[in-house]
């Protein structure tokens, strides 16, 4: 794997075992660690490849992207050497928008699509979020917004030095997703599976169901217990559902190979 690619995606096990690669994209402020241990719950022939975006984790010293199109362009280039096998995409919240735009970018660049697109905790891209942006709020108001969203650990919010370290990345991620503008294009040909939290007051079942227009193939919505961050509180249930669908994808691929 080229060095440029390995900065973005660190393989979990030998490529030879993989029949399908699952690329995973984080929510705002998240790192590749969100997806740590997922491979233990998924089929052994699925290679989980969490994206480590600049500005966090092992890439803390790099500047975070503030433009979704620029990030998607960089991700598409980094993924190119890994598209020699069937693949799927998963993203939560900001990561769902990234996964969707990456799917469209890969289609444009390589005439390929994922076997399935998993989007989690995010309304359909054509439905704008009309709330005012928060990425440029004064520090106290920005921390209050983070506390309300319940995605940043309280011990980080209450630690001034830690907040000084992570605030630039959080603000960059918020700017990236809050300035995202959807451009209409042909629907994807791959199935889309949507996951949502039953107690998520902003990304509702109705808003997520509108992903249906983004595919000409199968479409499913699953609502799990929990708020916006149900992927933590309902982790085992979510991974069980993902595992079952990925097994179906793998089985379908083997049938097609035998024909």
C-alpha atoms as a PDB file:
ATOM      1  CA  UNK A   1       0.000   0.000   0.000  1.00  0.00           C
ATOM      2  CA  UNK A   2       1.330   3.391  -0.880  1.00  0.00           C
ATOM      3  CA  UNK A   3       2.383   5.711   1.942  1.00  0.00           C
ATOM      4  CA  UNK A   4      -0.214   8.292   0.886  1.00  0.00           C
ATOM      5  CA  UNK A   5      -2.971   5.706   1.259  1.00  0.00           C
ATOM      6  CA  UNK A   6      -1.732   4.259   4.560  1.00  0.00           C
ATOM      7  CA  UNK A   7      -1.961   7.699   6.188  1.00  0.00           C
ATOM      8  CA  UNK A   8      -5.698   7.624   5.607  1.00  0.00           C
ATOM      9  CA  UNK A   9      -6.482   3.919   6.082  1.00  0.00           C
ATOM     10  CA  UNK A  10      -4.697   1.429   8.316  1.00  0.00           C
ATOM     11  CA  UNK A  11      -5.497  -2.165   7.496  1.00  0.00           C
ATOM     12  CA  UNK A  12      -6.813  -4.385  10.306  1.00  0.00           C
ATOM     13  CA  UNK A  13      -5.713  -7.743   8.873  1.00  0.00           C
ATOM     14  CA  UNK A  14      -4.102  -9.272   5.819  1.00  0.00           C
ATOM     15  CA  UNK A  15      -5.484  -8.116   2.494  1.00  0.00           C
ATOM     16  CA  UNK A  16      -5.468 -11.733   1.293  1.00  0.00           C
ATOM     17  CA  UNK A  17      -8.332 -12.582   3.677  1.00  0.00           C
ATOM     18  CA  UNK A  18     -10.582  -9.798   2.459  1.00  0.00           C
ATOM     19  CA  UNK A  19     -13.389 -10.425   0.005  1.00  0.00           C
ATOM     20  CA  UNK A  20     -14.895  -6.998   0.734  1.00  0.00           C
ATOM     21  CA  UNK A  21     -13.537  -3.768   2.194  1.00  0.00           C
ATOM     22  CA  UNK A  22     -15.658  -1.610   4.493  1.00  0.00           C
ATOM     23  CA  UNK A  23     -14.500   2.020   4.528  1.00  0.00           C
ATOM     24  CA  UNK A  24     -15.735   3.896   7.632  1.00  0.00           C
ATOM     25  CA  UNK A  25     -15.930   7.663   8.103  1.00  0.00           C
ATOM     26  CA  UNK A  26     -16.199   9.490  11.457  1.00  0.00           C
ATOM     27  CA  UNK A  27     -18.645  12.000  12.875  1.00  0.00           C
ATOM     28  CA  UNK A  28     -17.470  15.573  13.540  1.00  0.00           C
ATOM     29  CA  UNK A  29     -14.648  15.507  16.067  1.00  0.00           C
ATOM     30  CA  UNK A  30     -14.249  11.744  15.683  1.00  0.00           C
ATOM     31  CA  UNK A  31     -11.167   9.674  14.924  1.00  0.00           C
ATOM     32  CA  UNK A  32     -10.564   6.251  13.422  1.00  0.00           C
ATOM     33  CA  UNK A  33     -10.826   4.890  16.982  1.00  0.00           C
ATOM     34  CA  UNK A  34     -14.634   5.102  16.724  1.00  0.00           C
ATOM     35  CA  UNK A  35     -14.480   1.905  14.698  1.00  0.00           C
ATOM     36  CA  UNK A  36     -11.944   0.081  16.833  1.00  0.00           C
ATOM     37  CA  UNK A  37     -12.997  -3.531  17.410  1.00  0.00           C
ATOM     38  CA  UNK A  38     -15.677  -3.551  14.701  1.00  0.00           C
ATOM     39  CA  UNK A  39     -13.847  -6.306  12.824  1.00  0.00           C
ATOM     40  CA  UNK A  40     -14.494  -8.664  15.773  1.00  0.00           C
ATOM     41  CA  UNK A  41     -18.257  -8.444  15.147  1.00  0.00           C
ATOM     42  CA  UNK A  42     -18.256  -8.521  11.342  1.00  0.00           C
ATOM     43  CA  UNK A  43     -17.526 -11.421   8.963  1.00  0.00           C
ATOM     44  CA  UNK A  44     -13.801 -12.317   9.000  1.00  0.00           C
ATOM     45  CA  UNK A  45     -13.537 -11.785   5.242  1.00  0.00           C
ATOM     46  CA  UNK A  46     -14.619  -8.136   5.604  1.00  0.00           C
ATOM     47  CA  UNK A  47     -11.684  -5.774   6.042  1.00  0.00           C
ATOM     48  CA  UNK A  48     -12.650  -2.749   8.155  1.00  0.00           C
ATOM     49  CA  UNK A  49     -10.812   0.388   7.029  1.00  0.00           C
ATOM     50  CA  UNK A  50     -11.581   3.412   9.240  1.00  0.00           C
ATOM     51  CA  UNK A  51     -10.523   6.735   7.756  1.00  0.00           C
ATOM     52  CA  UNK A  52      -8.116   8.803   9.855  1.00  0.00           C
ATOM     53  CA  UNK A  53      -8.808  12.362   8.746  1.00  0.00           C
ATOM     54  CA  UNK A  54      -6.187  15.119   9.122  1.00  0.00           C
ATOM     55  CA  UNK A  55      -6.211  17.131  12.350  1.00  0.00           C
ATOM     56  CA  UNK A  56      -6.793  14.236  14.787  1.00  0.00           C
ATOM     57  CA  UNK A  57      -5.376  10.966  16.050  1.00  0.00           C
ATOM     58  CA  UNK A  58      -2.102  10.053  14.357  1.00  0.00           C
ATOM     59  CA  UNK A  59      -2.515  13.105  12.076  1.00  0.00           C
ATOM     60  CA  UNK A  60      -3.004  15.672  14.827  1.00  0.00           C
ATOM     61  CA  UNK A  61      -0.308  18.009  13.490  1.00  0.00           C
ATOM     62  CA  UNK A  62      -1.978  18.280  10.075  1.00  0.00           C
ATOM     63  CA  UNK A  63      -4.603  20.889   9.297  1.00  0.00           C
ATOM     64  CA  UNK A  64      -8.169  19.589   9.244  1.00  0.00           C
ATOM     65  CA  UNK A  65     -10.215  20.077   6.083  1.00  0.00           C
ATOM     66  CA  UNK A  66     -12.914  22.760   6.157  1.00  0.00           C
ATOM     67  CA  UNK A  67     -14.374  21.922   2.720  1.00  0.00           C
ATOM     68  CA  UNK A  68     -16.238  18.680   2.062  1.00  0.00           C
ATOM     69  CA  UNK A  69     -15.494  18.652  -1.703  1.00  0.00           C
ATOM     70  CA  UNK A  70     -11.763  19.053  -0.999  1.00  0.00           C
ATOM     71  CA  UNK A  71     -11.837  16.253   1.571  1.00  0.00           C
ATOM     72  CA  UNK A  72     -13.747  13.941  -0.776  1.00  0.00           C
ATOM     73  CA  UNK A  73     -11.252  14.581  -3.563  1.00  0.00           C
ATOM     74  CA  UNK A  74      -8.352  13.644  -1.254  1.00  0.00           C
ATOM     75  CA  UNK A  75     -10.169  10.558   0.044  1.00  0.00           C
ATOM     76  CA  UNK A  76     -10.978   9.357  -3.468  1.00  0.00           C
ATOM     77  CA  UNK A  77      -7.312   9.529  -4.425  1.00  0.00           C
ATOM     78  CA  UNK A  78      -6.251   7.749  -1.217  1.00  0.00           C
ATOM     79  CA  UNK A  79      -8.813   4.976  -1.753  1.00  0.00           C
ATOM     80  CA  UNK A  80      -7.843   4.300  -5.375  1.00  0.00           C
ATOM     81  CA  UNK A  81      -5.286   1.515  -4.637  1.00  0.00           C
ATOM     82  CA  UNK A  82      -7.839  -0.200  -2.364  1.00  0.00           C
ATOM     83  CA  UNK A  83     -10.652  -0.375  -4.915  1.00  0.00           C
ATOM     84  CA  UNK A  84      -9.354  -3.591  -6.473  1.00  0.00           C
ATOM     85  CA  UNK A  85     -11.915  -5.548  -4.433  1.00  0.00           C
ATOM     86  CA  UNK A  86     -15.630  -5.091  -3.763  1.00  0.00           C
ATOM     87  CA  UNK A  87     -16.224  -2.408  -1.133  1.00  0.00           C
ATOM     88  CA  UNK A  88     -18.889  -0.849   1.045  1.00  0.00           C
ATOM     89  CA  UNK A  89     -19.062   2.531   2.814  1.00  0.00           C
ATOM     90  CA  UNK A  90     -20.252   3.441   6.307  1.00  0.00           C
ATOM     91  CA  UNK A  91     -20.465   6.900   7.857  1.00  0.00           C
ATOM     92  CA  UNK A  92     -22.126   8.414  10.908  1.00  0.00           C
ATOM     93  CA  UNK A  93     -23.437  12.005  10.987  1.00  0.00           C
ATOM     94  CA  UNK A  94     -20.752  14.062   9.195  1.00  0.00           C
ATOM     95  CA  UNK A  95     -19.314  10.733   8.102  1.00  0.00           C
ATOM     96  CA  UNK A  96     -22.581   9.836   6.366  1.00  0.00           C
ATOM     97  CA  UNK A  97     -22.294  12.924   4.149  1.00  0.00           C
ATOM     98  CA  UNK A  98     -18.655  12.038   3.473  1.00  0.00           C
ATOM     99  CA  UNK A  99     -19.544   8.437   2.572  1.00  0.00           C
ATOM    100  CA  UNK A 100     -22.305   9.570   0.219  1.00  0.00           C
ATOM    101  CA  UNK A 101     -20.115  12.083  -1.595  1.00  0.00           C
ATOM    102  CA  UNK A 102     -17.235   9.581  -1.760  1.00  0.00           C
ATOM    103  CA  UNK A 103     -19.602   7.074  -3.397  1.00  0.00           C
ATOM    104  CA  UNK A 104     -20.521   9.648  -6.049  1.00  0.00           C
ATOM    105  CA  UNK A 105     -16.883  10.700  -6.495  1.00  0.00           C
ATOM    106  CA  UNK A 106     -15.702   7.096  -6.976  1.00  0.00           C
ATOM    107  CA  UNK A 107     -18.485   6.615  -9.532  1.00  0.00           C
ATOM    108  CA  UNK A 108     -17.324   9.686 -11.459  1.00  0.00           C
ATOM    109  CA  UNK A 109     -13.611   8.837 -11.257  1.00  0.00           C
ATOM    110  CA  UNK A 110     -13.589   5.043 -11.639  1.00  0.00           C
ATOM    111  CA  UNK A 111     -17.072   4.086 -12.865  1.00  0.00           C
ATOM    112  CA  UNK A 112     -17.499   1.921  -9.760  1.00  0.00           C
ATOM    113  CA  UNK A 113     -19.971   1.953  -6.889  1.00  0.00           C
ATOM    114  CA  UNK A 114     -20.032   0.378  -3.422  1.00  0.00           C
ATOM    115  CA  UNK A 115     -21.868  -2.894  -2.907  1.00  0.00           C
ATOM    116  CA  UNK A 116     -23.906  -1.029  -0.293  1.00  0.00           C
ATOM    117  CA  UNK A 117     -23.858   2.435   1.275  1.00  0.00           C
ATOM    118  CA  UNK A 118     -24.546   2.567   5.027  1.00  0.00           C
ATOM    119  CA  UNK A 119     -25.532   6.018   6.311  1.00  0.00           C
ATOM    120  CA  UNK A 120     -26.118   6.640  10.001  1.00  0.00           C
ATOM    121  CA  UNK A 121     -27.515   9.547  12.015  1.00  0.00           C
ATOM    122  CA  UNK A 122     -27.819  11.921   9.072  1.00  0.00           C
ATOM    123  CA  UNK A 123     -30.766  13.327   7.138  1.00  0.00           C
ATOM    124  CA  UNK A 124     -30.912  12.888   3.376  1.00  0.00           C
ATOM    125  CA  UNK A 125     -28.395  15.199   1.685  1.00  0.00           C
ATOM    126  CA  UNK A 126     -31.002  17.085  -0.346  1.00  0.00           C
ATOM    127  CA  UNK A 127     -32.722  18.236   2.875  1.00  0.00           C
ATOM    128  CA  UNK A 128     -30.858  21.343   4.114  1.00  0.00           C
ATOM    129  CA  UNK A 129     -30.253  22.017   7.786  1.00  0.00           C
ATOM    130  CA  UNK A 130     -31.530  25.563   8.280  1.00  0.00           C
ATOM    131  CA  UNK A 131     -30.106  26.090  11.775  1.00  0.00           C
ATOM    132  CA  UNK A 132     -27.480  28.866  11.991  1.00  0.00           C
ATOM    133  CA  UNK A 133     -23.853  27.711  11.886  1.00  0.00           C
ATOM    134  CA  UNK A 134     -22.027  27.134  15.152  1.00  0.00           C
ATOM    135  CA  UNK A 135     -18.424  26.644  14.033  1.00  0.00           C
ATOM    136  CA  UNK A 136     -17.611  30.335  14.524  1.00  0.00           C
ATOM    137  CA  UNK A 137     -19.306  30.858  17.896  1.00  0.00           C
ATOM    138  CA  UNK A 138     -17.354  32.489  20.753  1.00  0.00           C
ATOM    139  CA  UNK A 139     -15.541  29.911  22.856  1.00  0.00           C
ATOM    140  CA  UNK A 140     -18.027  29.707  25.739  1.00  0.00           C
ATOM    141  CA  UNK A 141     -20.991  29.363  23.383  1.00  0.00           C
ATOM    142  CA  UNK A 142     -19.144  26.789  21.290  1.00  0.00           C
ATOM    143  CA  UNK A 143     -18.454  24.641  24.366  1.00  0.00           C
ATOM    144  CA  UNK A 144     -22.106  24.963  25.394  1.00  0.00           C
ATOM    145  CA  UNK A 145     -23.146  23.698  21.959  1.00  0.00           C
ATOM    146  CA  UNK A 146     -20.760  20.743  22.256  1.00  0.00           C
ATOM    147  CA  UNK A 147     -22.230  19.937  25.649  1.00  0.00           C
ATOM    148  CA  UNK A 148     -25.762  20.059  24.231  1.00  0.00           C
ATOM    149  CA  UNK A 149     -24.848  17.694  21.405  1.00  0.00           C
ATOM    150  CA  UNK A 150     -23.481  15.132  23.891  1.00  0.00           C
ATOM    151  CA  UNK A 151     -20.755  13.915  21.542  1.00  0.00           C
ATOM    152  CA  UNK A 152     -17.689  15.238  23.381  1.00  0.00           C
ATOM    153  CA  UNK A 153     -16.708  13.602  26.696  1.00  0.00           C
ATOM    154  CA  UNK A 154     -17.387  15.905  29.694  1.00  0.00           C
ATOM    155  CA  UNK A 155     -13.807  15.456  30.910  1.00  0.00           C
ATOM    156  CA  UNK A 156     -12.601  17.027  27.639  1.00  0.00           C
ATOM    157  CA  UNK A 157     -15.083  19.905  27.808  1.00  0.00           C
ATOM    158  CA  UNK A 158     -14.001  20.699  31.362  1.00  0.00           C
ATOM    159  CA  UNK A 159     -10.261  20.551  30.630  1.00  0.00           C
ATOM    160  CA  UNK A 160      -9.060  23.891  29.229  1.00  0.00           C
ATOM    161  CA  UNK A 161      -5.804  22.525  27.786  1.00  0.00           C
ATOM    162  CA  UNK A 162      -7.529  19.621  26.073  1.00  0.00           C
ATOM    163  CA  UNK A 163     -10.151  21.930  24.630  1.00  0.00           C
ATOM    164  CA  UNK A 164      -7.420  24.215  23.294  1.00  0.00           C
ATOM    165  CA  UNK A 165      -5.941  21.170  21.561  1.00  0.00           C
ATOM    166  CA  UNK A 166      -9.133  19.792  19.996  1.00  0.00           C
ATOM    167  CA  UNK A 167     -11.133  22.980  19.341  1.00  0.00           C
ATOM    168  CA  UNK A 168      -9.480  23.762  15.970  1.00  0.00           C
ATOM    169  CA  UNK A 169     -10.370  20.290  14.688  1.00  0.00           C
ATOM    170  CA  UNK A 170     -13.932  20.478  16.029  1.00  0.00           C
ATOM    171  CA  UNK A 171     -14.505  23.904  14.523  1.00  0.00           C
ATOM    172  CA  UNK A 172     -13.056  22.728  11.190  1.00  0.00           C
ATOM    173  CA  UNK A 173     -15.357  19.691  11.129  1.00  0.00           C
ATOM    174  CA  UNK A 174     -18.378  21.819  11.977  1.00  0.00           C
ATOM    175  CA  UNK A 175     -17.440  24.284   9.243  1.00  0.00           C
ATOM    176  CA  UNK A 176     -17.017  21.415   6.764  1.00  0.00           C
ATOM    177  CA  UNK A 177     -20.462  19.941   7.393  1.00  0.00           C
ATOM    178  CA  UNK A 178     -22.329  23.192   8.072  1.00  0.00           C
ATOM    179  CA  UNK A 179     -21.166  24.713   4.768  1.00  0.00           C
ATOM    180  CA  UNK A 180     -21.858  21.551   2.743  1.00  0.00           C
ATOM    181  CA  UNK A 181     -24.025  22.242  -0.302  1.00  0.00           C
ATOM    182  CA  UNK A 182     -25.746  19.333  -2.009  1.00  0.00           C
ATOM    183  CA  UNK A 183     -25.528  19.170  -5.807  1.00  0.00           C
ATOM    184  CA  UNK A 184     -28.163  17.061  -7.546  1.00  0.00           C
ATOM    185  CA  UNK A 185     -26.903  14.123  -9.593  1.00  0.00           C
ATOM    186  CA  UNK A 186     -28.202  10.763 -10.791  1.00  0.00           C
ATOM    187  CA  UNK A 187     -29.150   8.400  -7.947  1.00  0.00           C
ATOM    188  CA  UNK A 188     -26.680   5.708  -6.970  1.00  0.00           C
ATOM    189  CA  UNK A 189     -27.228   2.211  -8.289  1.00  0.00           C
ATOM    190  CA  UNK A 190     -26.212   0.532  -5.030  1.00  0.00           C
ATOM    191  CA  UNK A 191     -28.542  -0.224  -2.091  1.00  0.00           C
ATOM    192  CA  UNK A 192     -28.655   2.296   0.760  1.00  0.00           C
ATOM    193  CA  UNK A 193     -29.212   1.251   4.364  1.00  0.00           C
ATOM    194  CA  UNK A 194     -30.000   3.989   6.885  1.00  0.00           C
ATOM    195  CA  UNK A 195     -29.571   3.784  10.670  1.00  0.00           C
ATOM    196  CA  UNK A 196     -31.066   6.270  13.101  1.00  0.00           C
ATOM    197  CA  UNK A 197     -31.564   6.822  16.822  1.00  0.00           C
ATOM    198  CA  UNK A 198     -35.118   6.657  18.183  1.00  0.00           C
ATOM    199  CA  UNK A 199     -34.423   9.592  20.524  1.00  0.00           C
ATOM    200  CA  UNK A 200     -32.540  11.733  17.990  1.00  0.00           C
ATOM    201  CA  UNK A 201     -34.643  14.904  17.944  1.00  0.00           C
ATOM    202  CA  UNK A 202     -32.889  16.489  14.938  1.00  0.00           C
ATOM    203  CA  UNK A 203     -32.166  13.656  12.508  1.00  0.00           C
ATOM    204  CA  UNK A 204     -35.632  12.132  12.554  1.00  0.00           C
ATOM    205  CA  UNK A 205     -36.950   9.002  10.879  1.00  0.00           C
ATOM    206  CA  UNK A 206     -38.841  11.184   8.378  1.00  0.00           C
ATOM    207  CA  UNK A 207     -35.734  13.139   7.372  1.00  0.00           C
ATOM    208  CA  UNK A 208     -33.620   9.991   7.064  1.00  0.00           C
ATOM    209  CA  UNK A 209     -36.275   8.154   5.066  1.00  0.00           C
ATOM    210  CA  UNK A 210     -35.755  10.715   2.305  1.00  0.00           C
ATOM    211  CA  UNK A 211     -32.474   8.980   1.441  1.00  0.00           C
ATOM    212  CA  UNK A 212     -34.741   6.730  -0.632  1.00  0.00           C
ATOM    213  CA  UNK A 213     -34.492   9.116  -3.600  1.00  0.00           C
ATOM    214  CA  UNK A 214     -30.701   8.690  -3.708  1.00  0.00           C
ATOM    215  CA  UNK A 215     -30.781   5.093  -4.966  1.00  0.00           C
ATOM    216  CA  UNK A 216     -32.408   3.098  -7.742  1.00  0.00           C
ATOM    217  CA  UNK A 217     -31.744  -0.089  -5.772  1.00  0.00           C
ATOM    218  CA  UNK A 218     -32.804  -1.473  -2.382  1.00  0.00           C
ATOM    219  CA  UNK A 219     -33.511   0.850   0.520  1.00  0.00           C
ATOM    220  CA  UNK A 220     -33.945   0.134   4.244  1.00  0.00           C
ATOM    221  CA  UNK A 221     -34.259   2.264   7.393  1.00  0.00           C
ATOM    222  CA  UNK A 222     -33.480   0.848  10.837  1.00  0.00           C
ATOM    223  CA  UNK A 223     -34.252   2.826  14.006  1.00  0.00           C
ATOM    224  CA  UNK A 224     -32.238   1.806  17.061  1.00  0.00           C
ATOM    225  CA  UNK A 225     -32.544   2.785  20.737  1.00  0.00           C
ATOM    226  CA  UNK A 226     -30.592   5.891  21.677  1.00  0.00           C
ATOM    227  CA  UNK A 227     -30.001   9.520  20.750  1.00  0.00           C
ATOM    228  CA  UNK A 228     -27.777  10.889  17.990  1.00  0.00           C
ATOM    229  CA  UNK A 229     -24.858   8.812  19.253  1.00  0.00           C
ATOM    230  CA  UNK A 230     -26.718   5.497  19.272  1.00  0.00           C
ATOM    231  CA  UNK A 231     -23.749   3.890  17.514  1.00  0.00           C
ATOM    232  CA  UNK A 232     -22.098   3.894  20.951  1.00  0.00           C
ATOM    233  CA  UNK A 233     -25.073   2.967  23.145  1.00  0.00           C
ATOM    234  CA  UNK A 234     -26.560   0.440  20.675  1.00  0.00           C
ATOM    235  CA  UNK A 235     -23.190  -0.696  19.326  1.00  0.00           C
ATOM    236  CA  UNK A 236     -23.723  -4.452  19.622  1.00  0.00           C
ATOM    237  CA  UNK A 237     -27.155  -4.317  17.992  1.00  0.00           C
ATOM    238  CA  UNK A 238     -25.905  -2.080  15.184  1.00  0.00           C
ATOM    239  CA  UNK A 239     -22.953  -4.346  14.452  1.00  0.00           C
ATOM    240  CA  UNK A 240     -25.194  -7.414  14.446  1.00  0.00           C
ATOM    241  CA  UNK A 241     -27.370  -5.806  11.779  1.00  0.00           C
ATOM    242  CA  UNK A 242     -24.342  -4.713   9.771  1.00  0.00           C
ATOM    243  CA  UNK A 243     -22.886  -8.202   9.969  1.00  0.00           C
ATOM    244  CA  UNK A 244     -26.057  -9.811   8.637  1.00  0.00           C
ATOM    245  CA  UNK A 245     -26.265  -7.442   5.690  1.00  0.00           C
ATOM    246  CA  UNK A 246     -22.585  -7.826   4.832  1.00  0.00           C
ATOM    247  CA  UNK A 247     -22.991 -11.622   4.846  1.00  0.00           C
ATOM    248  CA  UNK A 248     -25.832 -11.205   2.352  1.00  0.00           C
ATOM    249  CA  UNK A 249     -23.626  -8.987   0.162  1.00  0.00           C
ATOM    250  CA  UNK A 250     -20.807 -11.546   0.257  1.00  0.00           C
ATOM    251  CA  UNK A 251     -23.160 -14.417  -0.555  1.00  0.00           C
ATOM    252  CA  UNK A 252     -24.654 -12.475  -3.468  1.00  0.00           C
ATOM    253  CA  UNK A 253     -21.167 -11.796  -4.839  1.00  0.00           C
ATOM    254  CA  UNK A 254     -20.237 -15.494  -4.737  1.00  0.00           C
ATOM    255  CA  UNK A 255     -23.416 -16.441  -6.604  1.00  0.00           C
ATOM    256  CA  UNK A 256     -22.605 -13.904  -9.310  1.00  0.00           C
ATOM    257  CA  UNK A 257     -19.046 -15.242  -9.597  1.00  0.00           C
ATOM    258  CA  UNK A 258     -20.333 -18.794 -10.232  1.00  0.00           C
ATOM    259  CA  UNK A 259     -22.565 -17.692 -13.082  1.00  0.00           C
END
